[in-house]
Amino acid sequence: MQNHFTLRSNSLTIACLTLLLGGCASDPTPVSVPVTILSGEQMLTESQGIANMGDRWKKGKQLVDRGNTLVREGRNKIDEGNRMIGEGEKEQRESEESYNNIKK
């Protein structure tokens, strides 16, 4: 009985291995990729949308450049204003010192 069971078990193992190896050796089933066909109208619409995005980007770049120029000019004016304030305060101090020296 045990001999009969061992033979049947070996036969079952061989059959399973044969099926397994056969499955591994066969060509895989190709996966179909859906092909989307664009119409001329779709392509035109999409290209116009992309062109509009490019135009908006250019306008944005111009605004950034103009803004940076204004900030740079503003900083230069602030620096010049601070220089003028310093010079004016110096003249005021010197004038007050001269006046105080004359009064003594």
N, C-alpha and C. Protein backbone atom coordinates (compact mmCIF):
# COMPACT_ATOMS: atom_id res chain seq x y z
N MET A 1 0.82 -1.18 0.00
CA MET A 1 0.00 0.00 0.00
C MET A 1 0.87 1.25 0.00
N GLN A 2 1.91 1.25 0.83
CA GLN A 2 2.77 2.40 0.92
C GLN A 2 3.55 2.56 -0.38
N ASN A 3 3.91 1.50 -1.03
CA ASN A 3 4.61 1.53 -2.29
C ASN A 3 3.72 2.13 -3.37
N HIS A 4 2.45 1.79 -3.37
CA HIS A 4 1.49 2.31 -4.33
C HIS A 4 1.28 3.81 -4.13
N PHE A 5 1.25 4.27 -2.88
CA PHE A 5 1.07 5.68 -2.56
C PHE A 5 2.29 6.49 -3.00
N THR A 6 3.50 5.96 -2.83
CA THR A 6 4.72 6.65 -3.21
C THR A 6 4.80 6.79 -4.72
N LEU A 7 4.41 5.77 -5.47
CA LEU A 7 4.41 5.84 -6.93
C LEU A 7 3.40 6.86 -7.42
N ARG A 8 2.22 6.88 -6.80
CA ARG A 8 1.19 7.83 -7.20
C ARG A 8 1.65 9.26 -6.88
N SER A 9 2.30 9.47 -5.74
CA SER A 9 2.79 10.78 -5.33
C SER A 9 3.88 11.26 -6.29
N ASN A 10 4.78 10.36 -6.68
CA ASN A 10 5.83 10.72 -7.63
C ASN A 10 5.25 11.05 -8.99
N SER A 11 4.25 10.32 -9.43
CA SER A 11 3.61 10.59 -10.72
C SER A 11 2.91 11.95 -10.69
N LEU A 12 2.28 12.27 -9.56
CA LEU A 12 1.60 13.55 -9.41
C LEU A 12 2.61 14.69 -9.41
N THR A 13 3.73 14.51 -8.77
CA THR A 13 4.79 15.54 -8.73
C THR A 13 5.35 15.77 -10.12
N ILE A 14 5.59 14.70 -10.86
CA ILE A 14 6.12 14.81 -12.23
C ILE A 14 5.11 15.52 -13.12
N ALA A 15 3.85 15.20 -12.97
CA ALA A 15 2.81 15.85 -13.79
C ALA A 15 2.74 17.34 -13.49
N CYS A 16 2.82 17.71 -12.21
CA CYS A 16 2.77 19.12 -11.83
C CYS A 16 3.98 19.87 -12.36
N LEU A 17 5.17 19.25 -12.25
CA LEU A 17 6.38 19.89 -12.75
C LEU A 17 6.32 20.08 -14.26
N THR A 18 5.76 19.09 -14.97
CA THR A 18 5.63 19.18 -16.41
C THR A 18 4.73 20.34 -16.79
N LEU A 19 3.59 20.46 -16.10
CA LEU A 19 2.67 21.57 -16.37
C LEU A 19 3.32 22.92 -16.04
N LEU A 20 4.03 22.97 -14.94
CA LEU A 20 4.68 24.21 -14.52
C LEU A 20 5.73 24.64 -15.53
N LEU A 21 6.59 23.70 -15.96
CA LEU A 21 7.62 24.03 -16.94
C LEU A 21 7.02 24.38 -18.29
N GLY A 22 5.95 23.71 -18.63
CA GLY A 22 5.28 24.03 -19.90
C GLY A 22 4.70 25.44 -19.88
N GLY A 23 4.17 25.85 -18.76
CA GLY A 23 3.63 27.20 -18.64
C GLY A 23 4.71 28.25 -18.69
N CYS A 24 5.86 27.95 -18.10
CA CYS A 24 6.96 28.91 -18.10
C CYS A 24 7.59 29.02 -19.48
N ALA A 25 7.58 27.96 -20.25
CA ALA A 25 8.25 27.96 -21.55
C ALA A 25 7.39 28.58 -22.64
N SER A 26 6.10 28.70 -22.44
CA SER A 26 5.25 29.25 -23.49
C SER A 26 5.39 30.76 -23.56
N ASP A 27 5.08 31.31 -24.73
CA ASP A 27 5.14 32.76 -24.93
C ASP A 27 4.07 33.44 -24.09
N PRO A 28 4.41 34.55 -23.49
CA PRO A 28 3.39 35.26 -22.71
C PRO A 28 2.36 35.88 -23.65
N THR A 29 1.18 36.00 -23.16
CA THR A 29 0.14 36.62 -23.99
C THR A 29 0.42 38.12 -24.07
N PRO A 30 0.41 38.66 -25.28
CA PRO A 30 0.72 40.08 -25.42
C PRO A 30 -0.39 40.94 -24.81
N VAL A 31 0.05 42.02 -24.20
CA VAL A 31 -0.89 42.97 -23.60
C VAL A 31 -1.21 44.01 -24.66
N SER A 32 -2.45 44.16 -24.96
CA SER A 32 -2.83 45.12 -25.99
C SER A 32 -2.90 46.52 -25.38
N VAL A 33 -2.25 47.46 -26.06
CA VAL A 33 -2.26 48.84 -25.63
C VAL A 33 -3.30 49.56 -26.46
N PRO A 34 -4.24 50.21 -25.79
CA PRO A 34 -5.26 50.92 -26.57
C PRO A 34 -4.63 52.06 -27.36
N VAL A 35 -4.96 52.12 -28.62
CA VAL A 35 -4.43 53.16 -29.49
C VAL A 35 -5.49 54.24 -29.62
N THR A 36 -5.10 55.46 -29.24
CA THR A 36 -6.01 56.58 -29.36
C THR A 36 -5.65 57.35 -30.61
N ILE A 37 -6.59 57.47 -31.48
CA ILE A 37 -6.37 58.20 -32.72
C ILE A 37 -6.90 59.62 -32.52
N LEU A 38 -5.99 60.59 -32.68
CA LEU A 38 -6.39 61.98 -32.53
C LEU A 38 -6.89 62.52 -33.86
N SER A 39 -7.92 63.29 -33.79
CA SER A 39 -8.40 63.92 -35.01
C SER A 39 -7.60 65.20 -35.23
N GLY A 40 -7.67 65.73 -36.40
CA GLY A 40 -6.99 66.98 -36.72
C GLY A 40 -7.48 68.12 -35.84
N GLU A 41 -8.77 68.12 -35.55
CA GLU A 41 -9.35 69.17 -34.70
C GLU A 41 -8.77 69.09 -33.29
N GLN A 42 -8.64 67.86 -32.75
CA GLN A 42 -8.08 67.70 -31.41
C GLN A 42 -6.63 68.19 -31.37
N MET A 43 -5.86 67.83 -32.39
CA MET A 43 -4.46 68.26 -32.43
C MET A 43 -4.37 69.78 -32.52
N LEU A 44 -5.22 70.39 -33.32
CA LEU A 44 -5.22 71.84 -33.47
C LEU A 44 -5.59 72.51 -32.16
N THR A 45 -6.62 72.00 -31.50
CA THR A 45 -7.05 72.57 -30.22
C THR A 45 -5.95 72.46 -29.18
N GLU A 46 -5.33 71.28 -29.10
CA GLU A 46 -4.26 71.09 -28.12
C GLU A 46 -3.06 71.99 -28.41
N SER A 47 -2.68 72.12 -29.68
CA SER A 47 -1.52 72.96 -30.01
C SER A 47 -1.81 74.43 -29.73
N GLN A 48 -3.06 74.86 -29.95
CA GLN A 48 -3.41 76.25 -29.63
C GLN A 48 -3.35 76.48 -28.13
N GLY A 49 -3.80 75.49 -27.36
CA GLY A 49 -3.72 75.60 -25.90
C GLY A 49 -2.29 75.71 -25.43
N ILE A 50 -1.40 74.92 -26.02
CA ILE A 50 0.01 74.97 -25.65
C ILE A 50 0.62 76.30 -26.05
N ALA A 51 0.24 76.81 -27.23
CA ALA A 51 0.74 78.12 -27.67
C ALA A 51 0.28 79.22 -26.71
N ASN A 52 -0.97 79.13 -26.25
CA ASN A 52 -1.48 80.12 -25.30
C ASN A 52 -0.71 80.07 -23.98
N MET A 53 -0.38 78.87 -23.53
CA MET A 53 0.42 78.75 -22.31
C MET A 53 1.79 79.39 -22.50
N GLY A 54 2.38 79.20 -23.67
CA GLY A 54 3.68 79.81 -23.96
C GLY A 54 3.60 81.33 -23.95
N ASP A 55 2.52 81.88 -24.52
CA ASP A 55 2.33 83.33 -24.53
C ASP A 55 2.17 83.86 -23.11
N ARG A 56 1.39 83.16 -22.30
CA ARG A 56 1.20 83.59 -20.90
C ARG A 56 2.52 83.55 -20.15
N TRP A 57 3.34 82.53 -20.41
CA TRP A 57 4.63 82.43 -19.74
C TRP A 57 5.52 83.62 -20.11
N LYS A 58 5.51 83.97 -21.41
CA LYS A 58 6.32 85.12 -21.86
C LYS A 58 5.85 86.40 -21.19
N LYS A 59 4.54 86.60 -21.08
CA LYS A 59 4.02 87.80 -20.42
C LYS A 59 4.42 87.81 -18.95
N GLY A 60 4.33 86.67 -18.31
CA GLY A 60 4.76 86.57 -16.91
C GLY A 60 6.23 86.90 -16.75
N LYS A 61 7.06 86.41 -17.66
CA LYS A 61 8.51 86.69 -17.62
C LYS A 61 8.76 88.18 -17.77
N GLN A 62 8.03 88.82 -18.68
CA GLN A 62 8.19 90.27 -18.88
C GLN A 62 7.81 91.03 -17.61
N LEU A 63 6.73 90.62 -16.95
CA LEU A 63 6.32 91.27 -15.71
C LEU A 63 7.38 91.12 -14.62
N VAL A 64 7.94 89.92 -14.51
CA VAL A 64 8.99 89.69 -13.52
C VAL A 64 10.20 90.57 -13.82
N ASP A 65 10.59 90.64 -15.07
CA ASP A 65 11.75 91.47 -15.44
C ASP A 65 11.49 92.94 -15.14
N ARG A 66 10.30 93.43 -15.50
CA ARG A 66 9.96 94.84 -15.23
C ARG A 66 9.92 95.10 -13.73
N GLY A 67 9.35 94.17 -12.97
CA GLY A 67 9.29 94.31 -11.51
C GLY A 67 10.68 94.36 -10.90
N ASN A 68 11.57 93.49 -11.36
CA ASN A 68 12.95 93.50 -10.85
C ASN A 68 13.65 94.81 -11.17
N THR A 69 13.40 95.35 -12.36
CA THR A 69 13.99 96.64 -12.74
C THR A 69 13.49 97.74 -11.81
N LEU A 70 12.17 97.77 -11.56
CA LEU A 70 11.60 98.79 -10.68
C LEU A 70 12.16 98.67 -9.26
N VAL A 71 12.30 97.46 -8.76
CA VAL A 71 12.85 97.25 -7.42
C VAL A 71 14.29 97.75 -7.38
N ARG A 72 15.07 97.43 -8.40
CA ARG A 72 16.47 97.87 -8.45
C ARG A 72 16.55 99.40 -8.48
N GLU A 73 15.69 100.04 -9.32
CA GLU A 73 15.67 101.49 -9.39
C GLU A 73 15.22 102.09 -8.06
N GLY A 74 14.24 101.44 -7.43
CA GLY A 74 13.76 101.91 -6.12
C GLY A 74 14.84 101.85 -5.07
N ARG A 75 15.59 100.77 -5.06
CA ARG A 75 16.70 100.65 -4.09
C ARG A 75 17.75 101.72 -4.33
N ASN A 76 18.04 101.98 -5.61
CA ASN A 76 19.01 103.03 -5.93
C ASN A 76 18.51 104.39 -5.43
N LYS A 77 17.21 104.67 -5.60
CA LYS A 77 16.65 105.93 -5.13
C LYS A 77 16.68 106.01 -3.61
N ILE A 78 16.40 104.90 -2.94
CA ILE A 78 16.47 104.87 -1.47
C ILE A 78 17.89 105.15 -1.01
N ASP A 79 18.86 104.51 -1.66
CA ASP A 79 20.27 104.74 -1.30
C ASP A 79 20.64 106.21 -1.51
N GLU A 80 20.23 106.77 -2.64
CA GLU A 80 20.51 108.19 -2.92
C GLU A 80 19.82 109.08 -1.90
N GLY A 81 18.58 108.76 -1.54
CA GLY A 81 17.85 109.54 -0.54
C GLY A 81 18.55 109.48 0.81
N ASN A 82 18.99 108.30 1.22
CA ASN A 82 19.72 108.16 2.49
C ASN A 82 21.03 108.94 2.47
N ARG A 83 21.71 108.94 1.33
CA ARG A 83 22.95 109.71 1.19
C ARG A 83 22.67 111.19 1.35
N MET A 84 21.59 111.66 0.71
CA MET A 84 21.23 113.08 0.80
C MET A 84 20.85 113.46 2.23
N ILE A 85 20.12 112.58 2.92
CA ILE A 85 19.74 112.83 4.32
C ILE A 85 20.99 112.94 5.19
N GLY A 86 21.94 112.02 4.99
CA GLY A 86 23.18 112.06 5.76
C GLY A 86 23.96 113.34 5.52
N GLU A 87 24.03 113.73 4.25
CA GLU A 87 24.75 114.96 3.90
C GLU A 87 24.05 116.19 4.50
N GLY A 88 22.73 116.21 4.42
CA GLY A 88 21.96 117.33 4.98
C GLY A 88 22.11 117.42 6.49
N GLU A 89 22.05 116.27 7.18
CA GLU A 89 22.22 116.27 8.63
C GLU A 89 23.61 116.75 9.02
N LYS A 90 24.61 116.35 8.23
CA LYS A 90 25.98 116.79 8.49
C LYS A 90 26.07 118.32 8.37
N GLU A 91 25.47 118.88 7.32
CA GLU A 91 25.49 120.33 7.14
C GLU A 91 24.76 121.03 8.28
N GLN A 92 23.65 120.46 8.72
CA GLN A 92 22.92 121.06 9.84
C GLN A 92 23.77 121.07 11.11
N ARG A 93 24.43 119.96 11.41
CA ARG A 93 25.28 119.88 12.60
C ARG A 93 26.41 120.90 12.53
N GLU A 94 27.06 120.96 11.36
CA GLU A 94 28.17 121.90 11.20
C GLU A 94 27.69 123.34 11.35
N SER A 95 26.49 123.62 10.81
CA SER A 95 25.94 124.98 10.93
C SER A 95 25.62 125.31 12.37
N GLU A 96 25.03 124.33 13.09
CA GLU A 96 24.70 124.55 14.51
C GLU A 96 25.96 124.74 15.34
N GLU A 97 27.02 123.96 15.03
CA GLU A 97 28.28 124.11 15.75
C GLU A 97 28.89 125.48 15.48
N SER A 98 28.84 125.91 14.21
CA SER A 98 29.37 127.23 13.86
C SER A 98 28.58 128.32 14.56
N TYR A 99 27.29 128.20 14.61
CA TYR A 99 26.44 129.19 15.28
C TYR A 99 26.76 129.23 16.76
N ASN A 100 26.89 128.03 17.39
CA ASN A 100 27.20 127.98 18.82
C ASN A 100 28.58 128.58 19.10
N ASN A 101 29.55 128.39 18.18
CA ASN A 101 30.90 128.96 18.35
C ASN A 101 30.85 130.48 18.24
N ILE A 102 30.01 130.99 17.36
CA ILE A 102 29.89 132.43 17.19
C ILE A 102 29.25 133.05 18.42
N LYS A 103 28.27 132.38 18.99
CA LYS A 103 27.54 132.86 20.16
C LYS A 103 28.43 132.94 21.41
N LYS A 104 29.44 132.10 21.46
CA LYS A 104 30.29 132.05 22.66
C LYS A 104 31.16 133.24 22.66
